[in-house]
Amino acid sequence: MDGRYETWVERQIREAQERGEFDNLPGSGKPLDFLDKPHDDDWWVQRLIEREQLDMTAALPPQLALRREAQDLPQRLLQERTEQAVRDLVEDFNARVRELWRRPMEGPLVAVRPLDVDRLVEHWHAHRPAPPPASAAHVDSGRRGARARLTEVLERLGLLSRRR
């Protein structure tokens, strides 16, 4: 020491440094990534979301959350094993859309419509995955194709917007 008083906190830090407890920390030797960005009061929330890979769908306004769910529905339908499960899934979605219509609109104006249960069930029958073949690669390519076909049908019906 250089003759100045060392506080308890300073001593704890010095001793931890001497023990090497600060060596090899994540990001050690790298520049701080936030220095070149404008100040944001919510920086810690954004970093938490990124670090923990949190799904923020629940934080969306209800109509945006339902719109996102409608986009994800083709993949979910292909995972169902029975027609009744497909019907239940689509009817539950439609009930939540109708409930949304009954409440005052929050956030941005986004139109979300109920889905045609019978058309989606027909499509599920036509494109549901076959029993698993011997090759796992064949199963993956079949699911991707069925998902693309179901997405195409939903886009044709105007229930999904095309991503460009």
N, C-alpha and C. Protein backbone atom coordinates (compact mmCIF):
# COMPACT_ATOMS: atom_id res chain seq x y z
N MET A 1 0.85 -1.18 0.00
CA MET A 1 0.00 0.00 0.00
C MET A 1 0.89 1.24 0.00
N ASP A 2 0.33 2.34 -0.42
CA ASP A 2 1.08 3.59 -0.54
C ASP A 2 0.78 4.54 0.62
N GLY A 3 0.49 4.03 1.81
CA GLY A 3 0.29 4.85 2.98
C GLY A 3 -1.12 5.40 3.14
N ARG A 4 -2.01 5.06 2.25
CA ARG A 4 -3.37 5.56 2.42
C ARG A 4 -4.22 4.48 3.08
N TYR A 5 -5.34 4.89 3.62
CA TYR A 5 -6.23 4.00 4.34
C TYR A 5 -6.97 3.09 3.36
N GLU A 6 -7.04 1.79 3.64
CA GLU A 6 -7.76 0.82 2.82
C GLU A 6 -9.06 0.45 3.53
N THR A 7 -10.18 0.70 2.88
CA THR A 7 -11.47 0.37 3.47
C THR A 7 -11.67 -1.15 3.42
N TRP A 8 -12.69 -1.60 4.13
CA TRP A 8 -13.01 -3.03 4.16
C TRP A 8 -13.33 -3.52 2.75
N VAL A 9 -14.11 -2.73 1.99
CA VAL A 9 -14.48 -3.11 0.62
C VAL A 9 -13.25 -3.19 -0.27
N GLU A 10 -12.38 -2.18 -0.17
CA GLU A 10 -11.16 -2.19 -0.97
C GLU A 10 -10.30 -3.41 -0.65
N ARG A 11 -10.23 -3.76 0.65
CA ARG A 11 -9.45 -4.93 1.05
C ARG A 11 -10.05 -6.21 0.46
N GLN A 12 -11.39 -6.33 0.48
CA GLN A 12 -12.04 -7.51 -0.09
C GLN A 12 -11.73 -7.63 -1.58
N ILE A 13 -11.77 -6.50 -2.28
CA ILE A 13 -11.47 -6.51 -3.72
C ILE A 13 -10.02 -6.89 -3.96
N ARG A 14 -9.09 -6.28 -3.23
CA ARG A 14 -7.67 -6.57 -3.39
C ARG A 14 -7.38 -8.04 -3.14
N GLU A 15 -7.95 -8.60 -2.07
CA GLU A 15 -7.70 -10.01 -1.74
C GLU A 15 -8.29 -10.93 -2.80
N ALA A 16 -9.46 -10.57 -3.33
CA ALA A 16 -10.06 -11.38 -4.39
C ALA A 16 -9.20 -11.33 -5.65
N GLN A 17 -8.64 -10.15 -5.95
CA GLN A 17 -7.74 -10.03 -7.10
C GLN A 17 -6.50 -10.89 -6.89
N GLU A 18 -5.95 -10.88 -5.69
CA GLU A 18 -4.76 -11.67 -5.40
C GLU A 18 -5.04 -13.17 -5.51
N ARG A 19 -6.25 -13.57 -5.16
CA ARG A 19 -6.63 -14.99 -5.29
C ARG A 19 -6.96 -15.36 -6.73
N GLY A 20 -7.08 -14.37 -7.61
CA GLY A 20 -7.37 -14.65 -9.02
C GLY A 20 -8.84 -14.82 -9.33
N GLU A 21 -9.72 -14.35 -8.44
CA GLU A 21 -11.15 -14.55 -8.65
C GLU A 21 -11.72 -13.71 -9.78
N PHE A 22 -10.98 -12.72 -10.25
CA PHE A 22 -11.46 -11.89 -11.36
C PHE A 22 -10.81 -12.31 -12.69
N ASP A 23 -9.95 -13.32 -12.65
CA ASP A 23 -9.31 -13.80 -13.88
C ASP A 23 -10.31 -14.61 -14.70
N ASN A 24 -10.19 -14.52 -16.01
CA ASN A 24 -10.99 -15.32 -16.95
C ASN A 24 -12.50 -15.12 -16.81
N LEU A 25 -12.93 -13.92 -16.53
CA LEU A 25 -14.37 -13.63 -16.50
C LEU A 25 -14.88 -13.51 -17.93
N PRO A 26 -16.17 -13.79 -18.17
CA PRO A 26 -16.71 -13.63 -19.53
C PRO A 26 -16.51 -12.18 -20.00
N GLY A 27 -16.05 -12.02 -21.23
CA GLY A 27 -15.82 -10.70 -21.79
C GLY A 27 -14.48 -10.10 -21.42
N SER A 28 -13.68 -10.82 -20.66
CA SER A 28 -12.37 -10.31 -20.24
C SER A 28 -11.51 -10.03 -21.47
N GLY A 29 -10.92 -8.83 -21.52
CA GLY A 29 -10.05 -8.46 -22.62
C GLY A 29 -10.79 -7.95 -23.84
N LYS A 30 -12.11 -7.91 -23.79
CA LYS A 30 -12.91 -7.44 -24.92
C LYS A 30 -13.44 -6.05 -24.61
N PRO A 31 -13.65 -5.24 -25.66
CA PRO A 31 -14.19 -3.91 -25.40
C PRO A 31 -15.64 -4.00 -24.93
N LEU A 32 -16.08 -3.02 -24.18
CA LEU A 32 -17.46 -2.97 -23.71
C LEU A 32 -18.35 -2.65 -24.91
N ASP A 33 -19.34 -3.48 -25.16
CA ASP A 33 -20.15 -3.35 -26.38
C ASP A 33 -21.17 -2.22 -26.33
N PHE A 34 -21.39 -1.60 -25.20
CA PHE A 34 -22.41 -0.56 -25.10
C PHE A 34 -21.83 0.85 -25.16
N LEU A 35 -20.52 0.99 -25.23
CA LEU A 35 -19.92 2.32 -25.19
C LEU A 35 -20.25 3.17 -26.41
N ASP A 36 -20.40 2.56 -27.58
CA ASP A 36 -20.67 3.32 -28.80
C ASP A 36 -22.15 3.52 -29.06
N LYS A 37 -23.03 3.06 -28.17
CA LYS A 37 -24.47 3.18 -28.34
C LYS A 37 -25.01 4.32 -27.49
N PRO A 38 -26.13 4.93 -27.94
CA PRO A 38 -26.72 5.99 -27.11
C PRO A 38 -27.24 5.41 -25.79
N HIS A 39 -27.33 6.26 -24.79
CA HIS A 39 -27.77 5.82 -23.47
C HIS A 39 -29.23 5.35 -23.51
N ASP A 40 -29.50 4.24 -22.85
CA ASP A 40 -30.85 3.69 -22.77
C ASP A 40 -31.09 3.30 -21.32
N ASP A 41 -32.14 3.84 -20.72
CA ASP A 41 -32.42 3.54 -19.31
C ASP A 41 -32.77 2.07 -19.10
N ASP A 42 -33.25 1.41 -20.13
CA ASP A 42 -33.67 0.00 -20.01
C ASP A 42 -32.62 -0.96 -20.55
N TRP A 43 -31.36 -0.55 -20.59
CA TRP A 43 -30.31 -1.40 -21.13
C TRP A 43 -30.24 -2.74 -20.41
N TRP A 44 -30.45 -2.73 -19.12
CA TRP A 44 -30.32 -3.97 -18.33
C TRP A 44 -31.43 -4.96 -18.69
N VAL A 45 -32.63 -4.46 -19.02
CA VAL A 45 -33.73 -5.35 -19.41
C VAL A 45 -33.40 -6.00 -20.75
N GLN A 46 -32.92 -5.20 -21.69
CA GLN A 46 -32.58 -5.74 -23.01
C GLN A 46 -31.47 -6.78 -22.91
N ARG A 47 -30.48 -6.52 -22.09
CA ARG A 47 -29.38 -7.49 -21.94
C ARG A 47 -29.87 -8.77 -21.26
N LEU A 48 -30.79 -8.63 -20.30
CA LEU A 48 -31.36 -9.80 -19.64
C LEU A 48 -32.12 -10.66 -20.64
N ILE A 49 -32.93 -10.03 -21.49
CA ILE A 49 -33.70 -10.75 -22.51
C ILE A 49 -32.76 -11.49 -23.45
N GLU A 50 -31.71 -10.81 -23.91
CA GLU A 50 -30.75 -11.44 -24.80
C GLU A 50 -30.01 -12.59 -24.12
N ARG A 51 -29.51 -12.33 -22.92
CA ARG A 51 -28.70 -13.33 -22.22
C ARG A 51 -29.50 -14.57 -21.88
N GLU A 52 -30.74 -14.38 -21.40
CA GLU A 52 -31.56 -15.51 -20.98
C GLU A 52 -32.41 -16.07 -22.12
N GLN A 53 -32.34 -15.45 -23.30
CA GLN A 53 -33.12 -15.86 -24.48
C GLN A 53 -34.59 -16.01 -24.11
N LEU A 54 -35.15 -14.95 -23.52
CA LEU A 54 -36.53 -14.97 -23.06
C LEU A 54 -37.50 -14.77 -24.22
N ASP A 55 -38.62 -15.47 -24.20
CA ASP A 55 -39.69 -15.29 -25.18
C ASP A 55 -40.57 -14.15 -24.68
N MET A 56 -40.60 -13.07 -25.41
CA MET A 56 -41.32 -11.88 -24.97
C MET A 56 -42.72 -11.79 -25.57
N THR A 57 -43.27 -12.89 -26.08
CA THR A 57 -44.60 -12.89 -26.67
C THR A 57 -45.64 -12.41 -25.66
N ALA A 58 -45.51 -12.80 -24.42
CA ALA A 58 -46.48 -12.41 -23.40
C ALA A 58 -46.48 -10.91 -23.15
N ALA A 59 -45.39 -10.23 -23.51
CA ALA A 59 -45.32 -8.79 -23.30
C ALA A 59 -45.93 -8.00 -24.46
N LEU A 60 -46.29 -8.70 -25.54
CA LEU A 60 -46.89 -8.02 -26.70
C LEU A 60 -48.34 -7.64 -26.41
N PRO A 61 -48.85 -6.60 -27.10
CA PRO A 61 -50.29 -6.34 -27.02
C PRO A 61 -51.04 -7.58 -27.50
N PRO A 62 -52.24 -7.84 -26.99
CA PRO A 62 -52.94 -9.10 -27.30
C PRO A 62 -53.11 -9.39 -28.79
N GLN A 63 -53.44 -8.37 -29.60
CA GLN A 63 -53.66 -8.65 -31.02
C GLN A 63 -52.36 -9.03 -31.73
N LEU A 64 -51.22 -8.48 -31.29
CA LEU A 64 -49.95 -8.88 -31.89
C LEU A 64 -49.55 -10.29 -31.45
N ALA A 65 -49.84 -10.63 -30.20
CA ALA A 65 -49.54 -11.98 -29.71
C ALA A 65 -50.37 -13.01 -30.47
N LEU A 66 -51.65 -12.71 -30.72
CA LEU A 66 -52.49 -13.63 -31.48
C LEU A 66 -52.04 -13.72 -32.93
N ARG A 67 -51.62 -12.61 -33.50
CA ARG A 67 -51.12 -12.63 -34.88
C ARG A 67 -49.89 -13.52 -34.97
N ARG A 68 -48.99 -13.39 -34.00
CA ARG A 68 -47.79 -14.25 -34.00
C ARG A 68 -48.19 -15.72 -33.82
N GLU A 69 -49.16 -15.97 -32.96
CA GLU A 69 -49.62 -17.34 -32.75
C GLU A 69 -50.21 -17.91 -34.04
N ALA A 70 -50.96 -17.07 -34.80
CA ALA A 70 -51.52 -17.52 -36.08
C ALA A 70 -50.40 -17.90 -37.05
N GLN A 71 -49.30 -17.19 -37.01
CA GLN A 71 -48.17 -17.52 -37.88
C GLN A 71 -47.49 -18.82 -37.46
N ASP A 72 -47.49 -19.10 -36.16
CA ASP A 72 -46.85 -20.32 -35.66
C ASP A 72 -47.78 -21.52 -35.70
N LEU A 73 -49.06 -21.29 -35.95
CA LEU A 73 -50.05 -22.37 -35.91
C LEU A 73 -49.76 -23.51 -36.89
N PRO A 74 -49.31 -23.25 -38.13
CA PRO A 74 -49.04 -24.37 -39.04
C PRO A 74 -48.09 -25.41 -38.45
N GLN A 75 -47.04 -24.95 -37.82
CA GLN A 75 -46.08 -25.89 -37.22
C GLN A 75 -46.73 -26.66 -36.07
N ARG A 76 -47.50 -25.96 -35.25
CA ARG A 76 -48.16 -26.63 -34.12
C ARG A 76 -49.16 -27.67 -34.60
N LEU A 77 -49.93 -27.37 -35.66
CA LEU A 77 -50.92 -28.32 -36.15
C LEU A 77 -50.28 -29.61 -36.63
N LEU A 78 -49.15 -29.50 -37.28
CA LEU A 78 -48.48 -30.69 -37.80
C LEU A 78 -47.95 -31.59 -36.70
N GLN A 79 -47.84 -31.07 -35.49
CA GLN A 79 -47.35 -31.87 -34.37
C GLN A 79 -48.48 -32.65 -33.69
N GLU A 80 -49.73 -32.30 -34.00
CA GLU A 80 -50.87 -32.96 -33.37
C GLU A 80 -51.10 -34.34 -34.00
N ARG A 81 -51.55 -35.28 -33.18
CA ARG A 81 -51.74 -36.65 -33.65
C ARG A 81 -53.16 -36.97 -34.06
N THR A 82 -54.14 -36.24 -33.52
CA THR A 82 -55.54 -36.56 -33.81
C THR A 82 -56.26 -35.35 -34.38
N GLU A 83 -57.32 -35.65 -35.14
CA GLU A 83 -58.14 -34.58 -35.70
C GLU A 83 -58.77 -33.75 -34.58
N GLN A 84 -59.20 -34.41 -33.52
CA GLN A 84 -59.84 -33.69 -32.42
C GLN A 84 -58.85 -32.70 -31.77
N ALA A 85 -57.60 -33.09 -31.65
CA ALA A 85 -56.60 -32.19 -31.09
C ALA A 85 -56.40 -30.97 -31.98
N VAL A 86 -56.42 -31.18 -33.31
CA VAL A 86 -56.29 -30.07 -34.25
C VAL A 86 -57.50 -29.14 -34.11
N ARG A 87 -58.71 -29.73 -34.08
CA ARG A 87 -59.92 -28.93 -33.92
C ARG A 87 -59.89 -28.13 -32.62
N ASP A 88 -59.50 -28.78 -31.54
CA ASP A 88 -59.44 -28.10 -30.24
C ASP A 88 -58.47 -26.93 -30.26
N LEU A 89 -57.32 -27.13 -30.89
CA LEU A 89 -56.31 -26.08 -30.97
C LEU A 89 -56.84 -24.87 -31.75
N VAL A 90 -57.44 -25.11 -32.91
CA VAL A 90 -57.95 -24.01 -33.74
C VAL A 90 -59.16 -23.35 -33.08
N GLU A 91 -60.04 -24.14 -32.48
CA GLU A 91 -61.21 -23.56 -31.82
C GLU A 91 -60.81 -22.73 -30.59
N ASP A 92 -59.79 -23.15 -29.88
CA ASP A 92 -59.29 -22.35 -28.76
C ASP A 92 -58.73 -21.02 -29.26
N PHE A 93 -57.97 -21.07 -30.35
CA PHE A 93 -57.45 -19.84 -30.94
C PHE A 93 -58.59 -18.92 -31.35
N ASN A 94 -59.62 -19.46 -32.02
CA ASN A 94 -60.76 -18.66 -32.47
C ASN A 94 -61.51 -18.04 -31.29
N ALA A 95 -61.65 -18.77 -30.21
CA ALA A 95 -62.34 -18.24 -29.03
C ALA A 95 -61.57 -17.05 -28.45
N ARG A 96 -60.25 -17.14 -28.44
CA ARG A 96 -59.45 -16.03 -27.92
C ARG A 96 -59.50 -14.82 -28.85
N VAL A 97 -59.60 -15.06 -30.17
CA VAL A 97 -59.75 -13.95 -31.12
C VAL A 97 -61.09 -13.26 -30.89
N ARG A 98 -62.16 -14.03 -30.74
CA ARG A 98 -63.48 -13.44 -30.50
C ARG A 98 -63.52 -12.67 -29.18
N GLU A 99 -62.85 -13.20 -28.18
CA GLU A 99 -62.77 -12.49 -26.88
C GLU A 99 -62.03 -11.17 -27.05
N LEU A 100 -60.99 -11.16 -27.86
CA LEU A 100 -60.24 -9.94 -28.12
C LEU A 100 -61.13 -8.89 -28.78
N TRP A 101 -62.00 -9.32 -29.69
CA TRP A 101 -62.91 -8.40 -30.38
C TRP A 101 -63.87 -7.73 -29.41
N ARG A 102 -64.18 -8.37 -28.30
CA ARG A 102 -65.15 -7.83 -27.34
C ARG A 102 -64.56 -6.75 -26.44
N ARG A 103 -63.25 -6.63 -26.42
CA ARG A 103 -62.58 -5.67 -25.53
C ARG A 103 -62.12 -4.45 -26.31
N PRO A 104 -61.92 -3.33 -25.63
CA PRO A 104 -61.34 -2.16 -26.30
C PRO A 104 -59.94 -2.51 -26.83
N MET A 105 -59.61 -1.97 -27.98
CA MET A 105 -58.33 -2.27 -28.62
C MET A 105 -57.20 -1.56 -27.89
N GLU A 106 -56.11 -2.31 -27.62
CA GLU A 106 -54.90 -1.77 -27.01
C GLU A 106 -53.79 -1.82 -28.04
N GLY A 107 -52.90 -0.87 -28.00
CA GLY A 107 -51.73 -0.92 -28.87
C GLY A 107 -52.08 -0.67 -30.32
N PRO A 108 -51.21 -1.11 -31.24
CA PRO A 108 -51.42 -0.85 -32.66
C PRO A 108 -52.64 -1.63 -33.19
N LEU A 109 -53.27 -1.06 -34.21
CA LEU A 109 -54.44 -1.70 -34.81
C LEU A 109 -53.96 -2.81 -35.74
N VAL A 110 -54.18 -4.04 -35.35
CA VAL A 110 -53.80 -5.20 -36.14
C VAL A 110 -55.01 -6.11 -36.22
N ALA A 111 -55.43 -6.41 -37.44
CA ALA A 111 -56.61 -7.26 -37.63
C ALA A 111 -56.22 -8.73 -37.48
N VAL A 112 -56.93 -9.42 -36.62
CA VAL A 112 -56.74 -10.85 -36.44
C VAL A 112 -58.11 -11.48 -36.60
N ARG A 113 -58.22 -12.47 -37.50
CA ARG A 113 -59.50 -13.10 -37.78
C ARG A 113 -59.49 -14.55 -37.28
N PRO A 114 -60.68 -15.06 -36.98
CA PRO A 114 -60.76 -16.49 -36.66
C PRO A 114 -60.36 -17.32 -37.87
N LEU A 115 -59.85 -18.50 -37.61
CA LEU A 115 -59.42 -19.41 -38.67
C LEU A 115 -60.54 -20.39 -38.99
N ASP A 116 -60.58 -20.87 -40.24
CA ASP A 116 -61.58 -21.84 -40.67
C ASP A 116 -61.15 -23.23 -40.19
N VAL A 117 -61.85 -23.74 -39.20
CA VAL A 117 -61.48 -25.01 -38.56
C VAL A 117 -61.52 -26.15 -39.57
N ASP A 118 -62.60 -26.25 -40.34
CA ASP A 118 -62.75 -27.38 -41.27
C ASP A 118 -61.68 -27.38 -42.36
N ARG A 119 -61.34 -26.21 -42.88
CA ARG A 119 -60.28 -26.15 -43.90
C ARG A 119 -58.94 -26.57 -43.33
N LEU A 120 -58.65 -26.13 -42.11
CA LEU A 120 -57.37 -26.51 -41.51
C LEU A 120 -57.33 -28.00 -41.17
N VAL A 121 -58.47 -28.55 -40.76
CA VAL A 121 -58.52 -30.00 -40.49
C VAL A 121 -58.31 -30.77 -41.79
N GLU A 122 -58.97 -30.33 -42.88
CA GLU A 122 -58.77 -30.99 -44.19
C GLU A 122 -57.31 -30.95 -44.59
N HIS A 123 -56.73 -29.79 -44.44
CA HIS A 123 -55.31 -29.66 -44.79
C HIS A 123 -54.44 -30.53 -43.90
N TRP A 124 -54.76 -30.60 -42.62
CA TRP A 124 -54.00 -31.46 -41.70
C TRP A 124 -54.08 -32.91 -42.14
N HIS A 125 -55.30 -33.36 -42.55
CA HIS A 125 -55.45 -34.73 -43.04
C HIS A 125 -54.59 -34.97 -44.27
N ALA A 126 -54.54 -33.99 -45.17
CA ALA A 126 -53.80 -34.16 -46.41
C ALA A 126 -52.29 -34.11 -46.20
N HIS A 127 -51.83 -33.39 -45.17
CA HIS A 127 -50.39 -33.17 -45.03
C HIS A 127 -49.80 -33.60 -43.70
N ARG A 128 -50.56 -34.30 -42.89
CA ARG A 128 -49.99 -34.70 -41.60
C ARG A 128 -48.85 -35.67 -41.83
N PRO A 129 -47.90 -35.65 -40.94
CA PRO A 129 -46.74 -36.52 -41.10
C PRO A 129 -47.15 -38.00 -41.08
N ALA A 130 -46.54 -38.74 -41.97
CA ALA A 130 -46.77 -40.18 -42.02
C ALA A 130 -46.05 -40.84 -40.85
N PRO A 131 -46.36 -42.10 -40.56
CA PRO A 131 -45.62 -42.79 -39.50
C PRO A 131 -44.12 -42.70 -39.79
N PRO A 132 -43.30 -42.62 -38.75
CA PRO A 132 -41.86 -42.40 -38.96
C PRO A 132 -41.22 -43.50 -39.79
N PRO A 133 -40.57 -43.13 -40.91
CA PRO A 133 -39.82 -44.11 -41.69
C PRO A 133 -38.49 -44.41 -41.01
N ALA A 134 -37.70 -45.27 -41.63
CA ALA A 134 -36.43 -45.68 -41.04
C ALA A 134 -35.44 -44.52 -40.97
N SER A 135 -35.51 -43.59 -41.91
CA SER A 135 -34.56 -42.49 -41.97
C SER A 135 -35.11 -41.24 -41.30
N ALA A 136 -34.38 -40.70 -40.35
CA ALA A 136 -34.82 -39.48 -39.65
C ALA A 136 -34.77 -38.27 -40.59
N ALA A 137 -33.85 -38.26 -41.56
CA ALA A 137 -33.75 -37.15 -42.50
C ALA A 137 -35.02 -37.06 -43.34
N HIS A 138 -35.61 -38.21 -43.68
CA HIS A 138 -36.84 -38.22 -44.47
C HIS A 138 -37.98 -37.58 -43.68
N VAL A 139 -38.04 -37.82 -42.39
CA VAL A 139 -39.09 -37.24 -41.55
C VAL A 139 -38.96 -35.73 -41.53
N ASP A 140 -37.75 -35.21 -41.35
CA ASP A 140 -37.54 -33.77 -41.30
C ASP A 140 -37.96 -33.10 -42.59
N SER A 141 -37.60 -33.66 -43.74
CA SER A 141 -37.96 -33.03 -45.01
C SER A 141 -39.46 -33.09 -45.23
N GLY A 142 -40.14 -34.14 -44.78
CA GLY A 142 -41.59 -34.24 -44.91
C GLY A 142 -42.30 -33.20 -44.07
N ARG A 143 -41.82 -32.94 -42.87
CA ARG A 143 -42.43 -31.94 -41.99
C ARG A 143 -42.25 -30.54 -42.55
N ARG A 144 -41.05 -30.27 -43.10
CA ARG A 144 -40.82 -28.94 -43.67
C ARG A 144 -41.75 -28.72 -44.85
N GLY A 145 -41.94 -29.73 -45.69
CA GLY A 145 -42.81 -29.60 -46.85
C GLY A 145 -44.26 -29.40 -46.43
N ALA A 146 -44.73 -30.15 -45.45
CA ALA A 146 -46.11 -30.01 -44.98
C ALA A 146 -46.32 -28.65 -44.34
N ARG A 147 -45.34 -28.17 -43.61
CA ARG A 147 -45.47 -26.85 -42.99
C ARG A 147 -45.56 -25.77 -44.05
N ALA A 148 -44.74 -25.89 -45.09
CA ALA A 148 -44.77 -24.90 -46.17
C ALA A 148 -46.12 -24.91 -46.87
N ARG A 149 -46.68 -26.11 -47.10
CA ARG A 149 -47.99 -26.21 -47.76
C ARG A 149 -49.08 -25.61 -46.88
N LEU A 150 -49.04 -25.87 -45.59
CA LEU A 150 -50.05 -25.32 -44.68
C LEU A 150 -49.92 -23.79 -44.59
N THR A 151 -48.70 -23.29 -44.55
CA THR A 151 -48.48 -21.85 -44.54
C THR A 151 -49.03 -21.23 -45.82
N GLU A 152 -48.82 -21.90 -46.95
CA GLU A 152 -49.33 -21.40 -48.23
C GLU A 152 -50.86 -21.32 -48.21
N VAL A 153 -51.53 -22.33 -47.67
CA VAL A 153 -52.99 -22.32 -47.59
C VAL A 153 -53.45 -21.16 -46.71
N LEU A 154 -52.82 -20.96 -45.55
CA LEU A 154 -53.20 -19.87 -44.66
C LEU A 154 -52.97 -18.52 -45.32
N GLU A 155 -51.90 -18.39 -46.11
CA GLU A 155 -51.66 -17.13 -46.82
C GLU A 155 -52.73 -16.90 -47.89
N ARG A 156 -53.09 -17.97 -48.61
CA ARG A 156 -54.12 -17.85 -49.64
C ARG A 156 -55.46 -17.44 -49.03
N LEU A 157 -55.75 -17.91 -47.84
CA LEU A 157 -56.99 -17.56 -47.18
C LEU A 157 -56.93 -16.15 -46.58
N GLY A 158 -55.75 -15.54 -46.62
CA GLY A 158 -55.58 -14.20 -46.08
C GLY A 158 -55.41 -14.20 -44.57
N LEU A 159 -55.09 -15.35 -44.00
CA LEU A 159 -54.95 -15.44 -42.54
C LEU A 159 -53.52 -15.16 -42.09
N LEU A 160 -52.57 -15.24 -43.02
CA LEU A 160 -51.18 -14.91 -42.72
C LEU A 160 -50.69 -13.96 -43.80
N SER A 161 -49.82 -13.03 -43.40
CA SER A 161 -49.22 -12.16 -44.40
C SER A 161 -47.92 -12.79 -44.85
N ARG A 162 -47.59 -12.57 -46.11
CA ARG A 162 -46.35 -13.14 -46.65
C ARG A 162 -45.17 -12.35 -46.10
N ARG A 163 -44.13 -13.07 -45.72
CA ARG A 163 -42.90 -12.41 -45.25
C ARG A 163 -41.99 -12.21 -46.43
N ARG A 164 -41.51 -11.01 -46.59
CA ARG A 164 -40.61 -10.70 -47.71
C ARG A 164 -39.31 -10.21 -47.17
